[in-house]
PDB file of N, CA and C in Angstrom:
ATOM      1  N   MET A   1      11.073 -11.643 -14.730  1.00  0.00           N
ATOM      2  CA  MET A   1      12.002 -10.436 -15.293  1.00  0.00           C
ATOM      3  C   MET A   1      12.290  -9.348 -14.277  1.00  0.00           C
ATOM      4  N   ILE A   2      13.457  -9.058 -14.153  1.00  0.00           N
ATOM      5  CA  ILE A   2      13.523  -8.062 -13.204  1.00  0.00           C
ATOM      6  C   ILE A   2      13.978  -6.686 -13.920  1.00  0.00           C
ATOM      7  N   THR A   3      13.105  -5.807 -13.411  1.00  0.00           N
ATOM      8  CA  THR A   3      13.071  -4.164 -13.862  1.00  0.00           C
ATOM      9  C   THR A   3      13.858  -3.285 -13.169  1.00  0.00           C
ATOM     10  N   SER A   4      13.988  -2.199 -13.462  1.00  0.00           N
ATOM     11  CA  SER A   4      14.665  -1.203 -12.855  1.00  0.00           C
ATOM     12  C   SER A   4      13.697  -0.484 -11.747  1.00  0.00           C
ATOM     13  N   SER A   5      13.885  -0.240 -10.700  1.00  0.00           N
ATOM     14  CA  SER A   5      12.939   0.421  -9.631  1.00  0.00           C
ATOM     15  C   SER A   5      12.763   1.804  -9.960  1.00  0.00           C
ATOM     16  N   GLU A   6      11.591   2.306  -9.602  1.00  0.00           N
ATOM     17  CA  GLU A   6      11.554   3.799  -9.630  1.00  0.00           C
ATOM     18  C   GLU A   6      12.364   4.603  -8.667  1.00  0.00           C
ATOM     19  N   LYS A   7      12.916   4.125  -7.535  1.00  0.00           N
ATOM     20  CA  LYS A   7      13.689   4.742  -6.504  1.00  0.00           C
ATOM     21  C   LYS A   7      14.877   5.456  -7.186  1.00  0.00           C
ATOM     22  N   ASN A   8      15.220   6.416  -6.456  1.00  0.00           N
ATOM     23  CA  ASN A   8      16.426   6.931  -7.130  1.00  0.00           C
ATOM     24  C   ASN A   8      17.700   6.616  -6.552  1.00  0.00           C
ATOM     25  N   TRP A   9      18.693   6.016  -7.683  1.00  0.00           N
ATOM     26  CA  TRP A   9      19.991   5.330  -7.018  1.00  0.00           C
ATOM     27  C   TRP A   9      20.713   6.605  -6.195  1.00  0.00           C
ATOM     28  N   LEU A  10      20.784   7.699  -6.399  1.00  0.00           N
ATOM     29  CA  LEU A  10      21.952   8.766  -5.938  1.00  0.00           C
ATOM     30  C   LEU A  10      21.266   9.105  -4.482  1.00  0.00           C
ATOM     31  N   ILE A  11      20.034   9.157  -4.308  1.00  0.00           N
ATOM     32  CA  ILE A  11      19.358   9.205  -3.007  1.00  0.00           C
ATOM     33  C   ILE A  11      19.718   8.061  -2.114  1.00  0.00           C
ATOM     34  N   THR A  12      19.605   6.765  -2.830  1.00  0.00           N
ATOM     35  CA  THR A  12      19.799   5.566  -1.914  1.00  0.00           C
ATOM     36  C   THR A  12      21.140   5.441  -1.628  1.00  0.00           C
ATOM     37  N   VAL A  13      22.237   5.896  -2.345  1.00  0.00           N
ATOM     38  CA  VAL A  13      23.780   5.921  -1.919  1.00  0.00           C
ATOM     39  C   VAL A  13      23.795   6.859  -0.884  1.00  0.00           C
ATOM     40  N   LEU A  14      23.407   7.975  -1.123  1.00  0.00           N
ATOM     41  CA  LEU A  14      23.587   9.055  -0.049  1.00  0.00           C
ATOM     42  C   LEU A  14      22.828   8.617   1.254  1.00  0.00           C
ATOM     43  N   LEU A  15      21.864   8.250   1.272  1.00  0.00           N
ATOM     44  CA  LEU A  15      21.215   7.731   2.570  1.00  0.00           C
ATOM     45  C   LEU A  15      22.067   6.839   3.369  1.00  0.00           C
ATOM     46  N   CYS A  16      22.790   5.792   2.320  1.00  0.00           N
ATOM     47  CA  CYS A  16      23.288   4.582   2.899  1.00  0.00           C
ATOM     48  C   CYS A  16      24.783   5.111   3.525  1.00  0.00           C
ATOM     49  N   PHE A  17      25.210   6.148   2.833  1.00  0.00           N
ATOM     50  CA  PHE A  17      26.705   6.632   3.194  1.00  0.00           C
ATOM     51  C   PHE A  17      26.591   7.370   4.443  1.00  0.00           C
ATOM     52  N   PHE A  18      25.503   8.323   4.695  1.00  0.00           N
ATOM     53  CA  PHE A  18      25.286   9.323   5.561  1.00  0.00           C
ATOM     54  C   PHE A  18      24.587   8.584   6.922  1.00  0.00           C
ATOM     55  N   LEU A  19      23.531   7.928   6.445  1.00  0.00           N
ATOM     56  CA  LEU A  19      22.575   7.348   7.581  1.00  0.00           C
ATOM     57  C   LEU A  19      22.404   5.838   7.481  1.00  0.00           C
ATOM     58  N   GLY A  20      23.408   5.240   6.956  1.00  0.00           N
ATOM     59  CA  GLY A  20      23.380   3.683   6.775  1.00  0.00           C
ATOM     60  C   GLY A  20      23.194   2.947   8.054  1.00  0.00           C
ATOM     61  N   GLY A  21      23.994   3.456   9.256  1.00  0.00           N
ATOM     62  CA  GLY A  21      23.845   2.877  10.547  1.00  0.00           C
ATOM     63  C   GLY A  21      22.341   2.940  11.007  1.00  0.00           C
ATOM     64  N   LEU A  22      21.607   3.925  10.590  1.00  0.00           N
ATOM     65  CA  LEU A  22      20.157   4.010  10.962  1.00  0.00           C
ATOM     66  C   LEU A  22      19.226   3.301   9.851  1.00  0.00           C
ATOM     67  N   GLY A  23      19.804   2.748   9.029  1.00  0.00           N
ATOM     68  CA  GLY A  23      18.842   1.962   7.988  1.00  0.00           C
ATOM     69  C   GLY A  23      18.062   2.693   7.148  1.00  0.00           C
ATOM     70  N   ALA A  24      18.644   4.089   6.978  1.00  0.00           N
ATOM     71  CA  ALA A  24      17.507   4.973   6.417  1.00  0.00           C
ATOM     72  C   ALA A  24      17.260   4.650   4.697  1.00  0.00           C
ATOM     73  N   HIS A  25      18.541   4.034   4.035  1.00  0.00           N
ATOM     74  CA  HIS A  25      18.335   3.535   2.919  1.00  0.00           C
ATOM     75  C   HIS A  25      17.386   2.268   2.759  1.00  0.00           C
ATOM     76  N   ARG A  26      17.260   1.629   3.721  1.00  0.00           N
ATOM     77  CA  ARG A  26      16.310   0.406   3.576  1.00  0.00           C
ATOM     78  C   ARG A  26      14.834   0.959   3.643  1.00  0.00           C
ATOM     79  N   PHE A  27      14.756   1.966   4.800  1.00  0.00           N
ATOM     80  CA  PHE A  27      13.269   2.521   4.890  1.00  0.00           C
ATOM     81  C   PHE A  27      12.950   2.954   3.431  1.00  0.00           C
ATOM     82  N   PHE A  28      13.771   3.866   2.915  1.00  0.00           N
ATOM     83  CA  PHE A  28      13.770   4.464   1.670  1.00  0.00           C
ATOM     84  C   PHE A  28      13.111   3.643   0.446  1.00  0.00           C
ATOM     85  N   VAL A  29      13.717   2.463   0.225  1.00  0.00           N
ATOM     86  CA  VAL A  29      13.189   1.570  -0.758  1.00  0.00           C
ATOM     87  C   VAL A  29      12.218   0.533  -0.434  1.00  0.00           C
ATOM     88  N   GLY A  30      11.575   0.635   0.941  1.00  0.00           N
ATOM     89  CA  GLY A  30      10.640  -0.043   1.205  1.00  0.00           C
ATOM     90  C   GLY A  30      10.907  -1.133   2.148  1.00  0.00           C
ATOM     91  N   LYS A  31      12.012  -1.442   2.532  1.00  0.00           N
ATOM     92  CA  LYS A  31      12.038  -2.551   3.475  1.00  0.00           C
ATOM     93  C   LYS A  31      12.220  -2.398   4.905  1.00  0.00           C
ATOM     94  N   ILE A  32      11.036  -1.981   5.367  1.00  0.00           N
ATOM     95  CA  ILE A  32      10.909  -1.465   6.645  1.00  0.00           C
ATOM     96  C   ILE A  32      11.425  -2.632   7.628  1.00  0.00           C
ATOM     97  N   GLY A  33      11.199  -3.864   7.552  1.00  0.00           N
ATOM     98  CA  GLY A  33      11.712  -4.685   8.407  1.00  0.00           C
ATOM     99  C   GLY A  33      13.167  -4.710   8.748  1.00  0.00           C
ATOM    100  N   ALA A  34      13.691  -4.759   7.505  1.00  0.00           N
ATOM    101  CA  ALA A  34      15.270  -4.732   7.565  1.00  0.00           C
ATOM    102  C   ALA A  34      15.803  -3.423   7.972  1.00  0.00           C
ATOM    103  N   GLY A  35      15.116  -2.403   7.755  1.00  0.00           N
ATOM    104  CA  GLY A  35      15.484  -1.063   8.247  1.00  0.00           C
ATOM    105  C   GLY A  35      15.305  -0.852   9.837  1.00  0.00           C
ATOM    106  N   ILE A  36      14.343  -1.503  10.552  1.00  0.00           N
ATOM    107  CA  ILE A  36      14.232  -1.470  11.798  1.00  0.00           C
ATOM    108  C   ILE A  36      15.333  -2.387  12.551  1.00  0.00           C
ATOM    109  N   VAL A  37      15.765  -3.481  11.876  1.00  0.00           N
ATOM    110  CA  VAL A  37      16.842  -4.303  12.388  1.00  0.00           C
ATOM    111  C   VAL A  37      18.110  -3.580  12.391  1.00  0.00           C
ATOM    112  N   MET A  38      18.351  -2.935  11.227  1.00  0.00           N
ATOM    113  CA  MET A  38      19.462  -2.026  11.108  1.00  0.00           C
ATOM    114  C   MET A  38      19.726  -0.897  11.899  1.00  0.00           C
ATOM    115  N   LEU A  39      18.388  -0.360  12.333  1.00  0.00           N
ATOM    116  CA  LEU A  39      18.266   0.595  13.177  1.00  0.00           C
ATOM    117  C   LEU A  39      18.657   0.229  14.672  1.00  0.00           C
ATOM    118  N   VAL A  40      18.068  -0.839  15.145  1.00  0.00           N
ATOM    119  CA  VAL A  40      18.337  -1.367  16.322  1.00  0.00           C
ATOM    120  C   VAL A  40      19.799  -2.017  16.563  1.00  0.00           C
ATOM    121  N   THR A  41      20.581  -2.476  15.517  1.00  0.00           N
ATOM    122  CA  THR A  41      21.929  -2.762  15.539  1.00  0.00           C
ATOM    123  C   THR A  41      22.854  -2.020  14.988  1.00  0.00           C
ATOM    124  N   LEU A  42      22.409  -0.721  14.772  1.00  0.00           N
ATOM    125  CA  LEU A  42      23.180   0.348  14.163  1.00  0.00           C
ATOM    126  C   LEU A  42      24.060  -0.111  12.850  1.00  0.00           C
ATOM    127  N   GLY A  43      23.065  -0.564  12.121  1.00  0.00           N
ATOM    128  CA  GLY A  43      23.573  -0.937  10.817  1.00  0.00           C
ATOM    129  C   GLY A  43      24.496  -2.254  10.755  1.00  0.00           C
ATOM    130  N   GLY A  44      24.291  -3.104  11.747  1.00  0.00           N
ATOM    131  CA  GLY A  44      24.933  -4.444  12.062  1.00  0.00           C
ATOM    132  C   GLY A  44      26.381  -3.954  12.310  1.00  0.00           C
ATOM    133  N   PHE A  45      26.583  -3.020  13.351  1.00  0.00           N
ATOM    134  CA  PHE A  45      27.755  -2.604  13.828  1.00  0.00           C
ATOM    135  C   PHE A  45      28.699  -1.928  12.666  1.00  0.00           C
ATOM    136  N   GLY A  46      27.975  -1.486  11.626  1.00  0.00           N
ATOM    137  CA  GLY A  46      28.606  -0.709  10.463  1.00  0.00           C
ATOM    138  C   GLY A  46      29.028  -1.654   9.458  1.00  0.00           C
ATOM    139  N   ILE A  47      29.056  -3.063   9.540  1.00  0.00           N
ATOM    140  CA  ILE A  47      29.553  -3.959   8.666  1.00  0.00           C
ATOM    141  C   ILE A  47      28.147  -4.101   7.517  1.00  0.00           C
ATOM    142  N   TRP A  48      27.240  -4.343   7.998  1.00  0.00           N
ATOM    143  CA  TRP A  48      25.917  -4.405   7.058  1.00  0.00           C
ATOM    144  C   TRP A  48      25.927  -3.058   6.163  1.00  0.00           C
ATOM    145  N   SER A  49      25.910  -2.169   6.852  1.00  0.00           N
ATOM    146  CA  SER A  49      25.907  -0.715   6.005  1.00  0.00           C
ATOM    147  C   SER A  49      26.924  -0.665   4.958  1.00  0.00           C
ATOM    148  N   LEU A  50      28.168  -1.123   5.277  1.00  0.00           N
ATOM    149  CA  LEU A  50      29.270  -1.020   4.329  1.00  0.00           C
ATOM    150  C   LEU A  50      28.932  -2.144   3.250  1.00  0.00           C
ATOM    151  N   ILE A  51      28.506  -3.173   3.540  1.00  0.00           N
ATOM    152  CA  ILE A  51      28.089  -4.140   2.493  1.00  0.00           C
ATOM    153  C   ILE A  51      26.861  -3.560   1.665  1.00  0.00           C
ATOM    154  N   ASP A  52      25.955  -2.944   2.184  1.00  0.00           N
ATOM    155  CA  ASP A  52      24.844  -2.525   1.435  1.00  0.00           C
ATOM    156  C   ASP A  52      25.307  -1.368   0.420  1.00  0.00           C
ATOM    157  N   LEU A  53      26.237  -0.561   0.978  1.00  0.00           N
ATOM    158  CA  LEU A  53      26.898   0.596   0.128  1.00  0.00           C
ATOM    159  C   LEU A  53      27.574   0.133  -1.080  1.00  0.00           C
ATOM    160  N   ILE A  54      28.366  -1.025  -0.857  1.00  0.00           N
ATOM    161  CA  ILE A  54      29.109  -1.548  -1.955  1.00  0.00           C
ATOM    162  C   ILE A  54      28.111  -2.362  -2.963  1.00  0.00           C
ATOM    163  N   VAL A  55      27.051  -2.843  -2.562  1.00  0.00           N
ATOM    164  CA  VAL A  55      26.113  -3.602  -3.487  1.00  0.00           C
ATOM    165  C   VAL A  55      25.255  -2.429  -4.213  1.00  0.00           C
ATOM    166  N   ILE A  56      24.877  -1.450  -3.299  1.00  0.00           N
ATOM    167  CA  ILE A  56      24.343  -0.262  -4.086  1.00  0.00           C
ATOM    168  C   ILE A  56      24.932   0.388  -5.227  1.00  0.00           C
ATOM    169  N   ILE A  57      26.333   0.813  -4.850  1.00  0.00           N
ATOM    170  CA  ILE A  57      26.999   1.403  -6.070  1.00  0.00           C
ATOM    171  C   ILE A  57      27.521   0.204  -7.165  1.00  0.00           C
ATOM    172  N   ALA A  58      27.320  -0.995  -6.749  1.00  0.00           N
ATOM    173  CA  ALA A  58      27.625  -1.912  -7.976  1.00  0.00           C
ATOM    174  C   ALA A  58      26.288  -2.138  -8.822  1.00  0.00           C
ATOM    175  N   GLY A  59      25.194  -1.796  -8.340  1.00  0.00           N
ATOM    176  CA  GLY A  59      23.997  -1.813  -8.970  1.00  0.00           C
ATOM    177  C   GLY A  59      23.061  -3.058  -8.799  1.00  0.00           C
ATOM    178  N   ASN A  60      23.378  -3.749  -7.919  1.00  0.00           N
ATOM    179  CA  ASN A  60      22.789  -4.925  -7.454  1.00  0.00           C
ATOM    180  C   ASN A  60      21.880  -4.839  -6.226  1.00  0.00           C
ATOM    181  N   PHE A  61      21.379  -3.643  -5.759  1.00  0.00           N
ATOM    182  CA  PHE A  61      20.580  -3.537  -4.569  1.00  0.00           C
ATOM    183  C   PHE A  61      19.166  -3.551  -5.020  1.00  0.00           C
ATOM    184  N   LYS A  62      18.155  -4.252  -4.406  1.00  0.00           N
ATOM    185  CA  LYS A  62      16.708  -4.307  -4.720  1.00  0.00           C
ATOM    186  C   LYS A  62      15.871  -3.654  -3.908  1.00  0.00           C
ATOM    187  N   ASP A  63      14.824  -2.900  -4.444  1.00  0.00           N
ATOM    188  CA  ASP A  63      13.781  -2.531  -3.578  1.00  0.00           C
ATOM    189  C   ASP A  63      12.842  -3.602  -2.817  1.00  0.00           C
ATOM    190  N   SER A  64      11.909  -3.271  -2.266  1.00  0.00           N
ATOM    191  CA  SER A  64      10.967  -4.207  -1.702  1.00  0.00           C
ATOM    192  C   SER A  64      10.158  -4.822  -2.752  1.00  0.00           C
ATOM    193  N   GLU A  65      10.089  -4.566  -3.874  1.00  0.00           N
ATOM    194  CA  GLU A  65       9.358  -5.280  -5.056  1.00  0.00           C
ATOM    195  C   GLU A  65      10.240  -6.199  -5.678  1.00  0.00           C
ATOM    196  N   GLY A  66      11.548  -6.263  -5.516  1.00  0.00           N
ATOM    197  CA  GLY A  66      12.686  -7.007  -6.147  1.00  0.00           C
ATOM    198  C   GLY A  66      13.105  -6.303  -7.313  1.00  0.00           C
ATOM    199  N   ASN A  67      12.794  -5.150  -7.577  1.00  0.00           N
ATOM    200  CA  ASN A  67      13.320  -4.286  -8.610  1.00  0.00           C
ATOM    201  C   ASN A  67      14.600  -3.679  -8.484  1.00  0.00           C
ATOM    202  N   LEU A  68      15.747  -3.679  -9.453  1.00  0.00           N
ATOM    203  CA  LEU A  68      17.074  -3.176  -9.140  1.00  0.00           C
ATOM    204  C   LEU A  68      17.087  -1.937  -9.005  1.00  0.00           C
ATOM    205  N   ILE A  69      17.939  -1.244  -8.057  1.00  0.00           N
ATOM    206  CA  ILE A  69      17.976   0.082  -8.325  1.00  0.00           C
ATOM    207  C   ILE A  69      19.265   0.495  -8.927  1.00  0.00           C
ATOM    208  N   LYS A  70      19.396   0.951 -10.141  1.00  0.00           N
ATOM    209  CA  LYS A  70      20.490   1.172 -10.855  1.00  0.00           C
ATOM    210  C   LYS A  70      20.651   2.604 -11.146  1.00  0.00           C
ATOM    211  N   TYR A  71      22.232   2.903 -11.244  1.00  0.00           N
ATOM    212  CA  TYR A  71      22.498   4.409 -11.799  1.00  0.00           C
ATOM    213  C   TYR A  71      22.016   4.485 -13.374  1.00  0.00           C
ATOM    214  N   GLU A  72      21.058   5.447 -13.746  1.00  0.00           N
ATOM    215  CA  GLU A  72      20.594   5.822 -15.010  1.00  0.00           C
ATOM    216  C   GLU A  72      20.829   7.066 -15.294  1.00  0.00           C
TER     217      GLU A  72
END
């Protein structure tokens, strides 16, 4: 069963929007490995960050434990 994450949706959106190329939102939700890859590739040259932003806003982004980060 998928539950809601304790991570704040608004903080995740803002981190992705302003620091997505550095993977800050991935580090925030506990996805350290993906955060490092995003940091090295500058957010997949911006494409990966844009996709993440869309997924976060849609409410389908998950934290490191598989819980959805949703607007509440």
